[in-house]
Amino acid sequence: MPGQDLPLLLVRHAIAEEEHRLGDEFRALTPEGRAAFRKHARKLAQLTPLIGVLTSPLVRAVQTAEILAEAFGLSQVEVHPALLPGTRAHKHIVKLAREVGPGWALVGHNPGLKRAGELALDEELPGKMRKGAVLALHPAPKHFTLSWFAAPGSTVRRPRS
């Protein structure tokens, strides 16, 4: 399978507007959120290549995915409904992660993304899944293993050997 040695990335959208007159799904990234995530995405691109990016259809996630794709030299992102927020989002995200496999980034929302990371690892996350945070996972037979964790403005955390 192509990209087998690559991690799969779970990415929380970058900093967005608190509200939008048309509703939550239309909230866009703030200029500061765009700038901070663009810088973060460039650092991520030095850690691993990507095959593709799947994103929630909500505006803030699509914008985050587009910045991520640009930093990784990818020409497009694909919208996937499994990345929408919801009560069972974490289960849909882990199922999607298994389906697409390594080398993909899945861009979504909390609390589903945080819970998906915990479900995938079968343990607590190594840090807060704050806006723009990225969890890099490798598939294993039963669960996933942690490759690294990165949040904007922080150093990359790797598991202890």
N, C-alpha and C. Protein backbone atom coordinates (compact mmCIF):
# COMPACT_ATOMS: atom_id res chain seq x y z
N MET A 1 0.85 -1.19 0.00
CA MET A 1 0.00 0.00 0.00
C MET A 1 0.89 1.25 0.00
N PRO A 2 0.64 2.23 -0.91
CA PRO A 2 1.47 3.43 -0.94
C PRO A 2 1.38 4.21 0.37
N GLY A 3 2.50 4.76 0.80
CA GLY A 3 2.50 5.59 2.00
C GLY A 3 2.46 4.82 3.31
N GLN A 4 2.69 3.50 3.27
CA GLN A 4 2.56 2.67 4.47
C GLN A 4 3.43 3.18 5.64
N ASP A 5 4.60 3.74 5.35
CA ASP A 5 5.46 4.21 6.43
C ASP A 5 5.13 5.64 6.86
N LEU A 6 4.19 6.29 6.18
CA LEU A 6 3.78 7.64 6.52
C LEU A 6 2.75 7.60 7.65
N PRO A 7 2.70 8.65 8.47
CA PRO A 7 1.63 8.69 9.47
C PRO A 7 0.32 9.17 8.85
N LEU A 8 -0.75 8.96 9.56
CA LEU A 8 -2.04 9.54 9.25
C LEU A 8 -2.19 10.73 10.21
N LEU A 9 -2.62 11.87 9.71
CA LEU A 9 -2.73 13.06 10.56
C LEU A 9 -4.19 13.38 10.89
N LEU A 10 -4.46 13.60 12.17
CA LEU A 10 -5.73 14.15 12.62
C LEU A 10 -5.46 15.61 12.93
N VAL A 11 -6.17 16.51 12.25
CA VAL A 11 -5.89 17.94 12.33
C VAL A 11 -7.13 18.69 12.78
N ARG A 12 -7.02 19.45 13.85
CA ARG A 12 -8.13 20.30 14.28
C ARG A 12 -8.03 21.62 13.51
N HIS A 13 -9.16 22.13 13.08
CA HIS A 13 -9.16 23.40 12.34
C HIS A 13 -8.46 24.50 13.13
N ALA A 14 -7.96 25.50 12.40
CA ALA A 14 -7.25 26.63 13.00
C ALA A 14 -8.25 27.59 13.66
N ILE A 15 -7.72 28.65 14.25
CA ILE A 15 -8.54 29.63 14.99
C ILE A 15 -9.52 30.32 14.04
N ALA A 16 -10.79 30.28 14.43
CA ALA A 16 -11.88 30.81 13.61
C ALA A 16 -12.65 31.90 14.34
N GLU A 17 -13.50 32.56 13.58
CA GLU A 17 -14.40 33.57 14.15
C GLU A 17 -15.24 32.94 15.26
N GLU A 18 -15.60 33.72 16.24
CA GLU A 18 -16.44 33.23 17.33
C GLU A 18 -17.86 32.95 16.85
N GLU A 19 -18.33 33.76 15.91
CA GLU A 19 -19.67 33.57 15.38
C GLU A 19 -19.74 34.14 13.97
N HIS A 20 -20.78 33.75 13.24
CA HIS A 20 -21.01 34.26 11.89
C HIS A 20 -22.51 34.51 11.75
N ARG A 21 -22.88 35.56 11.07
CA ARG A 21 -24.30 35.92 10.97
C ARG A 21 -25.14 34.85 10.28
N LEU A 22 -24.51 33.98 9.46
CA LEU A 22 -25.24 32.91 8.78
C LEU A 22 -25.27 31.60 9.56
N GLY A 23 -24.53 31.55 10.67
CA GLY A 23 -24.53 30.34 11.50
C GLY A 23 -23.14 29.73 11.65
N ASP A 24 -23.07 28.74 12.54
CA ASP A 24 -21.80 28.11 12.91
C ASP A 24 -21.03 27.54 11.72
N GLU A 25 -21.74 26.90 10.80
CA GLU A 25 -21.03 26.25 9.69
C GLU A 25 -20.33 27.23 8.76
N PHE A 26 -20.64 28.51 8.86
CA PHE A 26 -20.03 29.53 8.00
C PHE A 26 -18.88 30.28 8.67
N ARG A 27 -18.58 29.94 9.92
CA ARG A 27 -17.47 30.62 10.61
C ARG A 27 -16.17 30.39 9.86
N ALA A 28 -15.49 31.47 9.54
CA ALA A 28 -14.23 31.41 8.78
C ALA A 28 -13.04 31.57 9.72
N LEU A 29 -11.86 31.24 9.23
CA LEU A 29 -10.64 31.47 10.01
C LEU A 29 -10.41 32.96 10.15
N THR A 30 -9.87 33.35 11.28
CA THR A 30 -9.49 34.75 11.47
C THR A 30 -8.17 34.98 10.72
N PRO A 31 -7.84 36.24 10.41
CA PRO A 31 -6.55 36.50 9.77
C PRO A 31 -5.38 35.96 10.61
N GLU A 32 -5.49 36.09 11.94
CA GLU A 32 -4.44 35.58 12.83
C GLU A 32 -4.39 34.06 12.78
N GLY A 33 -5.57 33.43 12.74
CA GLY A 33 -5.66 31.98 12.65
C GLY A 33 -5.03 31.47 11.37
N ARG A 34 -5.29 32.15 10.25
CA ARG A 34 -4.68 31.77 8.97
C ARG A 34 -3.16 31.87 9.03
N ALA A 35 -2.68 33.00 9.53
CA ALA A 35 -1.22 33.23 9.58
C ALA A 35 -0.53 32.20 10.47
N ALA A 36 -1.09 31.97 11.65
CA ALA A 36 -0.47 31.02 12.58
C ALA A 36 -0.49 29.60 12.01
N PHE A 37 -1.61 29.22 11.38
CA PHE A 37 -1.68 27.86 10.84
C PHE A 37 -0.79 27.71 9.60
N ARG A 38 -0.68 28.74 8.80
CA ARG A 38 0.21 28.68 7.62
C ARG A 38 1.64 28.40 8.07
N LYS A 39 2.09 29.11 9.10
CA LYS A 39 3.44 28.90 9.65
C LYS A 39 3.57 27.47 10.19
N HIS A 40 2.56 27.02 10.92
CA HIS A 40 2.56 25.68 11.51
C HIS A 40 2.58 24.61 10.40
N ALA A 41 1.77 24.81 9.37
CA ALA A 41 1.68 23.84 8.26
C ALA A 41 3.02 23.70 7.54
N ARG A 42 3.74 24.79 7.38
CA ARG A 42 5.06 24.71 6.74
C ARG A 42 6.02 23.86 7.56
N LYS A 43 5.95 23.96 8.88
CA LYS A 43 6.78 23.12 9.75
C LYS A 43 6.37 21.66 9.64
N LEU A 44 5.07 21.41 9.58
CA LEU A 44 4.57 20.04 9.45
C LEU A 44 5.05 19.40 8.15
N ALA A 45 5.07 20.18 7.09
CA ALA A 45 5.49 19.67 5.78
C ALA A 45 6.95 19.21 5.79
N GLN A 46 7.73 19.69 6.75
CA GLN A 46 9.13 19.25 6.87
C GLN A 46 9.23 17.92 7.62
N LEU A 47 8.15 17.51 8.30
CA LEU A 47 8.16 16.27 9.08
C LEU A 47 7.78 15.04 8.27
N THR A 48 6.88 15.21 7.30
CA THR A 48 6.37 14.07 6.54
C THR A 48 5.69 14.54 5.28
N PRO A 49 5.71 13.75 4.22
CA PRO A 49 4.88 14.09 3.06
C PRO A 49 3.43 13.63 3.29
N LEU A 50 2.53 14.09 2.44
CA LEU A 50 1.13 13.66 2.49
C LEU A 50 0.68 13.22 1.10
N ILE A 51 -0.28 12.30 1.08
CA ILE A 51 -0.89 11.84 -0.17
C ILE A 51 -2.12 12.68 -0.48
N GLY A 52 -2.89 13.03 0.57
CA GLY A 52 -4.11 13.79 0.36
C GLY A 52 -4.68 14.34 1.65
N VAL A 53 -5.68 15.20 1.50
CA VAL A 53 -6.33 15.85 2.64
C VAL A 53 -7.85 15.71 2.49
N LEU A 54 -8.48 15.18 3.54
CA LEU A 54 -9.93 15.11 3.64
C LEU A 54 -10.37 16.08 4.72
N THR A 55 -11.50 16.75 4.52
CA THR A 55 -11.95 17.76 5.46
C THR A 55 -13.45 17.73 5.69
N SER A 56 -13.83 18.21 6.85
CA SER A 56 -15.23 18.52 7.15
C SER A 56 -15.68 19.59 6.16
N PRO A 57 -16.96 19.62 5.80
CA PRO A 57 -17.43 20.66 4.89
C PRO A 57 -17.60 22.05 5.51
N LEU A 58 -17.45 22.18 6.83
CA LEU A 58 -17.62 23.49 7.46
C LEU A 58 -16.48 24.42 7.02
N VAL A 59 -16.81 25.69 6.81
CA VAL A 59 -15.88 26.65 6.22
C VAL A 59 -14.52 26.68 6.92
N ARG A 60 -14.51 26.74 8.25
CA ARG A 60 -13.23 26.85 8.96
C ARG A 60 -12.34 25.63 8.73
N ALA A 61 -12.93 24.46 8.60
CA ALA A 61 -12.16 23.24 8.35
C ALA A 61 -11.64 23.23 6.91
N VAL A 62 -12.49 23.60 5.96
CA VAL A 62 -12.06 23.64 4.55
C VAL A 62 -10.90 24.63 4.39
N GLN A 63 -11.00 25.79 5.02
CA GLN A 63 -9.91 26.77 4.91
C GLN A 63 -8.63 26.24 5.53
N THR A 64 -8.73 25.55 6.65
CA THR A 64 -7.56 24.94 7.29
C THR A 64 -6.97 23.88 6.36
N ALA A 65 -7.81 23.06 5.78
CA ALA A 65 -7.37 22.00 4.87
C ALA A 65 -6.67 22.58 3.65
N GLU A 66 -7.17 23.67 3.13
CA GLU A 66 -6.55 24.30 1.96
C GLU A 66 -5.16 24.83 2.29
N ILE A 67 -5.01 25.43 3.46
CA ILE A 67 -3.68 25.91 3.88
C ILE A 67 -2.74 24.73 4.05
N LEU A 68 -3.22 23.66 4.65
CA LEU A 68 -2.41 22.45 4.85
C LEU A 68 -1.98 21.87 3.50
N ALA A 69 -2.93 21.72 2.59
CA ALA A 69 -2.63 21.17 1.26
C ALA A 69 -1.58 22.02 0.54
N GLU A 70 -1.73 23.33 0.61
CA GLU A 70 -0.77 24.23 -0.04
C GLU A 70 0.64 24.02 0.52
N ALA A 71 0.76 23.92 1.83
CA ALA A 71 2.07 23.74 2.47
C ALA A 71 2.71 22.41 2.06
N PHE A 72 1.88 21.40 1.79
CA PHE A 72 2.37 20.08 1.41
C PHE A 72 2.47 19.90 -0.10
N GLY A 73 2.18 20.96 -0.86
CA GLY A 73 2.28 20.88 -2.31
C GLY A 73 1.18 20.06 -2.97
N LEU A 74 0.03 19.97 -2.30
CA LEU A 74 -1.11 19.24 -2.87
C LEU A 74 -2.06 20.24 -3.51
N SER A 75 -2.66 19.86 -4.63
CA SER A 75 -3.48 20.81 -5.38
C SER A 75 -4.93 20.89 -4.94
N GLN A 76 -5.42 19.90 -4.19
CA GLN A 76 -6.82 19.96 -3.79
C GLN A 76 -7.08 19.24 -2.48
N VAL A 77 -8.24 19.52 -1.93
CA VAL A 77 -8.72 18.82 -0.73
C VAL A 77 -10.07 18.22 -1.08
N GLU A 78 -10.45 17.17 -0.36
CA GLU A 78 -11.75 16.54 -0.58
C GLU A 78 -12.59 16.67 0.68
N VAL A 79 -13.85 17.03 0.50
CA VAL A 79 -14.78 17.14 1.62
C VAL A 79 -15.35 15.76 1.91
N HIS A 80 -15.42 15.41 3.21
CA HIS A 80 -15.96 14.10 3.59
C HIS A 80 -16.91 14.29 4.78
N PRO A 81 -18.15 13.79 4.68
CA PRO A 81 -19.14 13.99 5.74
C PRO A 81 -18.79 13.32 7.07
N ALA A 82 -17.92 12.32 7.07
CA ALA A 82 -17.53 11.66 8.33
C ALA A 82 -16.81 12.61 9.26
N LEU A 83 -16.33 13.74 8.74
CA LEU A 83 -15.57 14.69 9.55
C LEU A 83 -16.43 15.82 10.11
N LEU A 84 -17.74 15.75 9.87
CA LEU A 84 -18.65 16.73 10.46
C LEU A 84 -18.72 16.52 11.98
N PRO A 85 -18.95 17.60 12.75
CA PRO A 85 -19.14 17.42 14.19
C PRO A 85 -20.44 16.66 14.46
N GLY A 86 -20.47 15.92 15.55
CA GLY A 86 -21.68 15.19 15.93
C GLY A 86 -21.39 14.24 17.08
N THR A 87 -22.44 13.63 17.60
CA THR A 87 -22.30 12.79 18.79
C THR A 87 -21.47 11.53 18.54
N ARG A 88 -21.48 10.99 17.35
CA ARG A 88 -20.70 9.78 17.05
C ARG A 88 -19.51 10.10 16.13
N ALA A 89 -19.14 11.37 16.04
CA ALA A 89 -18.09 11.79 15.11
C ALA A 89 -16.80 11.01 15.33
N HIS A 90 -16.42 10.77 16.59
CA HIS A 90 -15.16 10.10 16.86
C HIS A 90 -15.11 8.71 16.24
N LYS A 91 -16.21 7.99 16.26
CA LYS A 91 -16.24 6.65 15.67
C LYS A 91 -16.15 6.72 14.15
N HIS A 92 -16.83 7.70 13.55
CA HIS A 92 -16.76 7.89 12.10
C HIS A 92 -15.34 8.26 11.66
N ILE A 93 -14.68 9.10 12.46
CA ILE A 93 -13.33 9.55 12.12
C ILE A 93 -12.35 8.38 12.17
N VAL A 94 -12.41 7.55 13.21
CA VAL A 94 -11.50 6.40 13.32
C VAL A 94 -11.76 5.41 12.18
N LYS A 95 -13.03 5.19 11.85
CA LYS A 95 -13.37 4.30 10.72
C LYS A 95 -12.78 4.85 9.42
N LEU A 96 -12.93 6.15 9.19
CA LEU A 96 -12.38 6.79 7.99
C LEU A 96 -10.86 6.69 7.98
N ALA A 97 -10.23 6.88 9.14
CA ALA A 97 -8.76 6.78 9.24
C ALA A 97 -8.30 5.39 8.81
N ARG A 98 -9.00 4.36 9.24
CA ARG A 98 -8.66 2.98 8.84
C ARG A 98 -8.86 2.78 7.33
N GLU A 99 -9.91 3.39 6.79
CA GLU A 99 -10.22 3.22 5.36
C GLU A 99 -9.18 3.89 4.46
N VAL A 100 -8.81 5.14 4.78
CA VAL A 100 -7.87 5.86 3.89
C VAL A 100 -6.43 5.46 4.14
N GLY A 101 -6.09 5.17 5.39
CA GLY A 101 -4.74 4.71 5.71
C GLY A 101 -3.71 5.82 5.82
N PRO A 102 -2.44 5.43 5.94
CA PRO A 102 -1.36 6.38 6.13
C PRO A 102 -1.20 7.36 4.96
N GLY A 103 -0.67 8.52 5.28
CA GLY A 103 -0.38 9.52 4.27
C GLY A 103 -1.49 10.52 4.04
N TRP A 104 -2.58 10.36 4.77
CA TRP A 104 -3.71 11.28 4.64
C TRP A 104 -3.82 12.16 5.87
N ALA A 105 -4.35 13.36 5.68
CA ALA A 105 -4.70 14.25 6.79
C ALA A 105 -6.21 14.36 6.83
N LEU A 106 -6.78 14.24 8.03
CA LEU A 106 -8.22 14.38 8.24
C LEU A 106 -8.44 15.63 9.07
N VAL A 107 -9.11 16.62 8.52
CA VAL A 107 -9.30 17.91 9.18
C VAL A 107 -10.72 18.00 9.72
N GLY A 108 -10.84 18.25 11.03
CA GLY A 108 -12.15 18.29 11.64
C GLY A 108 -12.24 19.17 12.86
N HIS A 109 -13.09 18.76 13.79
CA HIS A 109 -13.51 19.60 14.92
C HIS A 109 -13.44 18.84 16.23
N ASN A 110 -13.32 19.59 17.33
CA ASN A 110 -13.48 19.02 18.66
C ASN A 110 -14.95 19.10 19.05
N PRO A 111 -15.43 18.26 19.92
CA PRO A 111 -14.70 17.25 20.68
C PRO A 111 -14.46 15.94 19.92
N GLY A 112 -15.07 15.80 18.74
CA GLY A 112 -14.95 14.55 18.00
C GLY A 112 -13.53 14.16 17.65
N LEU A 113 -12.72 15.13 17.24
CA LEU A 113 -11.34 14.83 16.85
C LEU A 113 -10.51 14.37 18.04
N LYS A 114 -10.68 15.05 19.17
CA LYS A 114 -9.97 14.65 20.40
C LYS A 114 -10.38 13.24 20.80
N ARG A 115 -11.68 12.99 20.80
CA ARG A 115 -12.17 11.66 21.18
C ARG A 115 -11.74 10.59 20.18
N ALA A 116 -11.65 10.95 18.90
CA ALA A 116 -11.17 10.01 17.88
C ALA A 116 -9.72 9.65 18.14
N GLY A 117 -8.91 10.64 18.50
CA GLY A 117 -7.50 10.37 18.81
C GLY A 117 -7.37 9.44 20.00
N GLU A 118 -8.17 9.67 21.04
CA GLU A 118 -8.13 8.80 22.22
C GLU A 118 -8.62 7.39 21.90
N LEU A 119 -9.65 7.29 21.08
CA LEU A 119 -10.16 5.98 20.67
C LEU A 119 -9.12 5.25 19.82
N ALA A 120 -8.49 5.97 18.89
CA ALA A 120 -7.49 5.37 18.01
C ALA A 120 -6.29 4.86 18.79
N LEU A 121 -5.86 5.64 19.79
CA LEU A 121 -4.68 5.28 20.58
C LEU A 121 -5.02 4.38 21.78
N ASP A 122 -6.29 4.37 22.17
CA ASP A 122 -6.74 3.69 23.38
C ASP A 122 -6.04 4.25 24.62
N GLU A 123 -5.84 5.56 24.61
CA GLU A 123 -5.23 6.27 25.74
C GLU A 123 -5.47 7.76 25.57
N GLU A 124 -5.14 8.52 26.61
CA GLU A 124 -5.28 9.97 26.53
C GLU A 124 -4.26 10.55 25.55
N LEU A 125 -4.59 11.70 24.99
CA LEU A 125 -3.68 12.36 24.06
C LEU A 125 -2.48 12.94 24.81
N PRO A 126 -1.35 13.11 24.12
CA PRO A 126 -0.16 13.65 24.77
C PRO A 126 -0.22 15.16 25.01
N GLY A 127 -1.27 15.80 24.55
CA GLY A 127 -1.43 17.24 24.75
C GLY A 127 -2.85 17.64 24.39
N LYS A 128 -3.17 18.92 24.58
CA LYS A 128 -4.51 19.41 24.28
C LYS A 128 -4.68 19.51 22.76
N MET A 129 -5.83 19.08 22.28
CA MET A 129 -6.13 19.16 20.86
C MET A 129 -6.70 20.55 20.59
N ARG A 130 -5.86 21.57 20.83
CA ARG A 130 -6.34 22.93 20.63
C ARG A 130 -6.38 23.26 19.14
N LYS A 131 -6.88 24.40 18.80
CA LYS A 131 -7.05 24.76 17.39
C LYS A 131 -5.72 24.73 16.65
N GLY A 132 -5.70 24.00 15.54
CA GLY A 132 -4.49 23.85 14.73
C GLY A 132 -3.61 22.69 15.13
N ALA A 133 -3.95 21.98 16.19
CA ALA A 133 -3.13 20.85 16.66
C ALA A 133 -3.22 19.68 15.68
N VAL A 134 -2.13 18.91 15.64
CA VAL A 134 -2.04 17.76 14.73
C VAL A 134 -1.54 16.54 15.50
N LEU A 135 -2.25 15.45 15.33
CA LEU A 135 -1.89 14.17 15.94
C LEU A 135 -1.48 13.25 14.80
N ALA A 136 -0.24 12.76 14.80
CA ALA A 136 0.27 11.87 13.77
C ALA A 136 0.25 10.44 14.28
N LEU A 137 -0.48 9.58 13.57
CA LEU A 137 -0.71 8.20 14.01
C LEU A 137 -0.23 7.19 12.96
N HIS A 138 0.15 6.01 13.44
CA HIS A 138 0.45 4.87 12.57
C HIS A 138 -0.54 3.76 12.88
N PRO A 139 -1.14 3.16 11.85
CA PRO A 139 -2.06 2.06 12.11
C PRO A 139 -1.32 0.86 12.69
N ALA A 140 -1.96 0.20 13.62
CA ALA A 140 -1.46 -1.04 14.20
C ALA A 140 -2.65 -2.00 14.18
N PRO A 141 -2.43 -3.29 14.42
CA PRO A 141 -3.54 -4.24 14.29
C PRO A 141 -4.80 -3.87 15.09
N LYS A 142 -4.65 -3.54 16.35
CA LYS A 142 -5.84 -3.28 17.18
C LYS A 142 -6.15 -1.79 17.27
N HIS A 143 -5.16 -0.98 17.55
CA HIS A 143 -5.31 0.47 17.68
C HIS A 143 -4.28 1.14 16.78
N PHE A 144 -4.07 2.41 16.97
CA PHE A 144 -3.01 3.14 16.28
C PHE A 144 -1.90 3.39 17.29
N THR A 145 -0.71 3.73 16.80
CA THR A 145 0.38 4.15 17.68
C THR A 145 0.69 5.61 17.38
N LEU A 146 1.19 6.31 18.37
CA LEU A 146 1.53 7.72 18.24
C LEU A 146 2.88 7.88 17.57
N SER A 147 2.92 8.69 16.53
CA SER A 147 4.18 9.04 15.88
C SER A 147 4.69 10.36 16.47
N TRP A 148 3.83 11.39 16.46
CA TRP A 148 4.16 12.68 17.07
C TRP A 148 2.89 13.51 17.23
N PHE A 149 3.03 14.59 18.01
CA PHE A 149 1.94 15.52 18.28
C PHE A 149 2.50 16.92 18.14
N ALA A 150 1.79 17.79 17.42
CA ALA A 150 2.29 19.15 17.22
C ALA A 150 1.15 20.15 17.32
N ALA A 151 1.36 21.20 18.09
CA ALA A 151 0.40 22.29 18.20
C ALA A 151 1.10 23.58 17.77
N PRO A 152 0.36 24.51 17.17
CA PRO A 152 0.99 25.76 16.74
C PRO A 152 1.74 26.45 17.88
N GLY A 153 2.95 26.88 17.59
CA GLY A 153 3.76 27.58 18.57
C GLY A 153 4.47 26.70 19.58
N SER A 154 4.31 25.37 19.46
CA SER A 154 4.95 24.45 20.40
C SER A 154 5.92 23.54 19.65
N THR A 155 6.80 22.92 20.39
CA THR A 155 7.70 21.95 19.78
C THR A 155 6.94 20.65 19.53
N VAL A 156 7.41 19.89 18.58
CA VAL A 156 6.81 18.60 18.25
C VAL A 156 7.11 17.63 19.40
N ARG A 157 6.07 16.95 19.87
CA ARG A 157 6.24 15.96 20.93
C ARG A 157 6.22 14.57 20.34
N ARG A 158 7.22 13.79 20.67
CA ARG A 158 7.29 12.40 20.22
C ARG A 158 7.17 11.49 21.42
N PRO A 159 6.65 10.27 21.23
CA PRO A 159 6.53 9.36 22.37
C PRO A 159 7.89 8.96 22.90
N ARG A 160 7.94 8.67 24.17
CA ARG A 160 9.19 8.19 24.77
C ARG A 160 9.46 6.77 24.29
N SER A 161 10.69 6.51 23.98
CA SER A 161 11.05 5.16 23.49
C SER A 161 11.24 4.19 24.61
